[in-house]
C-alpha atoms as a PDB file:
ATOM      1  CA  UNK A   1       1.220  15.354 -12.474  1.00  0.00           C
ATOM      2  CA  UNK A   2       1.384  18.304 -10.149  1.00  0.00           C
ATOM      3  CA  UNK A   3      -1.335  20.942  -9.973  1.00  0.00           C
ATOM      4  CA  UNK A   4       1.327  23.370  -8.762  1.00  0.00           C
ATOM      5  CA  UNK A   5       3.108  25.041 -11.718  1.00  0.00           C
ATOM      6  CA  UNK A   6       6.130  25.677  -9.449  1.00  0.00           C
ATOM      7  CA  UNK A   7       6.543  21.946  -8.737  1.00  0.00           C
ATOM      8  CA  UNK A   8       8.350  19.709 -11.226  1.00  0.00           C
ATOM      9  CA  UNK A   9       6.525  16.582 -12.337  1.00  0.00           C
ATOM     10  CA  UNK A  10       6.682  14.066 -15.152  1.00  0.00           C
ATOM     11  CA  UNK A  11       5.003  11.010 -16.569  1.00  0.00           C
ATOM     12  CA  UNK A  12       6.976   8.016 -17.786  1.00  0.00           C
ATOM     13  CA  UNK A  13       5.674   5.277 -20.049  1.00  0.00           C
ATOM     14  CA  UNK A  14       7.681   2.114 -20.486  1.00  0.00           C
ATOM     15  CA  UNK A  15      10.588   3.040 -18.224  1.00  0.00           C
ATOM     16  CA  UNK A  16      11.764   5.091 -15.260  1.00  0.00           C
ATOM     17  CA  UNK A  17      14.209   7.844 -14.448  1.00  0.00           C
ATOM     18  CA  UNK A  18      16.760   6.704 -11.844  1.00  0.00           C
ATOM     19  CA  UNK A  19      17.510  10.352 -11.024  1.00  0.00           C
ATOM     20  CA  UNK A  20      14.009  10.637  -9.478  1.00  0.00           C
ATOM     21  CA  UNK A  21      14.573   7.851  -6.917  1.00  0.00           C
ATOM     22  CA  UNK A  22      16.669   7.493  -3.789  1.00  0.00           C
ATOM     23  CA  UNK A  23      18.061   4.007  -3.222  1.00  0.00           C
ATOM     24  CA  UNK A  24      17.189   0.972  -5.299  1.00  0.00           C
ATOM     25  CA  UNK A  25      13.821   0.233  -6.863  1.00  0.00           C
ATOM     26  CA  UNK A  26      12.238  -2.919  -5.474  1.00  0.00           C
ATOM     27  CA  UNK A  27      10.139  -5.170  -7.684  1.00  0.00           C
ATOM     28  CA  UNK A  28       7.254  -7.353  -6.461  1.00  0.00           C
ATOM     29  CA  UNK A  29       5.126  -9.865  -8.380  1.00  0.00           C
ATOM     30  CA  UNK A  30       1.595  -8.748  -9.249  1.00  0.00           C
ATOM     31  CA  UNK A  31      -0.968 -11.117  -7.679  1.00  0.00           C
ATOM     32  CA  UNK A  32      -4.164  -9.490  -9.049  1.00  0.00           C
ATOM     33  CA  UNK A  33      -3.754  -7.908 -12.477  1.00  0.00           C
ATOM     34  CA  UNK A  34      -6.979  -5.839 -12.463  1.00  0.00           C
ATOM     35  CA  UNK A  35      -5.604  -3.351  -9.914  1.00  0.00           C
ATOM     36  CA  UNK A  36      -1.884  -4.234 -10.053  1.00  0.00           C
ATOM     37  CA  UNK A  37      -2.215  -5.668  -6.531  1.00  0.00           C
ATOM     38  CA  UNK A  38       0.778  -7.108  -4.718  1.00  0.00           C
ATOM     39  CA  UNK A  39       0.921  -9.310  -1.612  1.00  0.00           C
ATOM     40  CA  UNK A  40       0.926  -7.475   1.720  1.00  0.00           C
ATOM     41  CA  UNK A  41       2.932  -9.308   4.381  1.00  0.00           C
ATOM     42  CA  UNK A  42       1.837  -7.316   7.420  1.00  0.00           C
ATOM     43  CA  UNK A  43       0.092  -4.190   8.695  1.00  0.00           C
ATOM     44  CA  UNK A  44       2.045  -2.232  11.309  1.00  0.00           C
ATOM     45  CA  UNK A  45       0.794   0.482  13.650  1.00  0.00           C
ATOM     46  CA  UNK A  46       3.608   2.429  15.312  1.00  0.00           C
ATOM     47  CA  UNK A  47       5.971  -0.330  14.195  1.00  0.00           C
ATOM     48  CA  UNK A  48       3.944  -3.097  15.869  1.00  0.00           C
ATOM     49  CA  UNK A  49       2.272  -5.886  13.880  1.00  0.00           C
ATOM     50  CA  UNK A  50      -1.528  -5.901  13.982  1.00  0.00           C
ATOM     51  CA  UNK A  51      -1.557  -9.599  13.070  1.00  0.00           C
ATOM     52  CA  UNK A  52      -4.158  -8.777  10.418  1.00  0.00           C
ATOM     53  CA  UNK A  53      -2.336 -10.552   7.593  1.00  0.00           C
ATOM     54  CA  UNK A  54      -1.302 -13.487   9.769  1.00  0.00           C
ATOM     55  CA  UNK A  55      -4.881 -14.609  10.482  1.00  0.00           C
ATOM     56  CA  UNK A  56      -5.926 -18.016   9.110  1.00  0.00           C
ATOM     57  CA  UNK A  57      -7.315 -17.518   5.607  1.00  0.00           C
ATOM     58  CA  UNK A  58      -6.108 -13.911   5.370  1.00  0.00           C
ATOM     59  CA  UNK A  59      -5.539 -12.733   1.816  1.00  0.00           C
ATOM     60  CA  UNK A  60      -3.787  -9.384   2.258  1.00  0.00           C
ATOM     61  CA  UNK A  61      -3.038  -7.404  -0.863  1.00  0.00           C
ATOM     62  CA  UNK A  62      -2.240  -3.763  -1.550  1.00  0.00           C
ATOM     63  CA  UNK A  63      -2.545  -1.667  -4.705  1.00  0.00           C
ATOM     64  CA  UNK A  64       0.317   0.834  -4.781  1.00  0.00           C
ATOM     65  CA  UNK A  65      -0.879   4.041  -6.378  1.00  0.00           C
ATOM     66  CA  UNK A  66       1.172   7.211  -6.357  1.00  0.00           C
ATOM     67  CA  UNK A  67      -1.778   9.205  -7.679  1.00  0.00           C
ATOM     68  CA  UNK A  68      -4.063   9.032  -4.655  1.00  0.00           C
ATOM     69  CA  UNK A  69      -3.937  10.034  -1.025  1.00  0.00           C
ATOM     70  CA  UNK A  70      -6.646   7.617   0.071  1.00  0.00           C
ATOM     71  CA  UNK A  71      -6.202   4.288   1.828  1.00  0.00           C
ATOM     72  CA  UNK A  72      -9.154   1.912   1.753  1.00  0.00           C
ATOM     73  CA  UNK A  73      -9.929  -1.384   3.408  1.00  0.00           C
ATOM     74  CA  UNK A  74     -13.019  -3.408   4.345  1.00  0.00           C
ATOM     75  CA  UNK A  75     -15.294  -1.446   6.735  1.00  0.00           C
ATOM     76  CA  UNK A  76     -15.655  -4.537   8.937  1.00  0.00           C
ATOM     77  CA  UNK A  77     -11.961  -4.232   9.843  1.00  0.00           C
ATOM     78  CA  UNK A  78     -11.945  -0.476  10.489  1.00  0.00           C
ATOM     79  CA  UNK A  79     -12.081  -0.681  14.301  1.00  0.00           C
END
């Protein structure tokens, strides 16, 4: 929902409006139901793989959230 009264916004429950999307919607299986997490195949920086998700024992997941502008990850991997 937009804070700007000049900007159109909407909330949809139980469906979606195809007029609000460009291209096709893509569906992914949820792997952790608590946060609607899906499997992350790779992390790219400037189009180059970091190899982060290809490490032995890596368990990369991402929680898509259109309502936040923050990206979080373990502090130990920040550098």
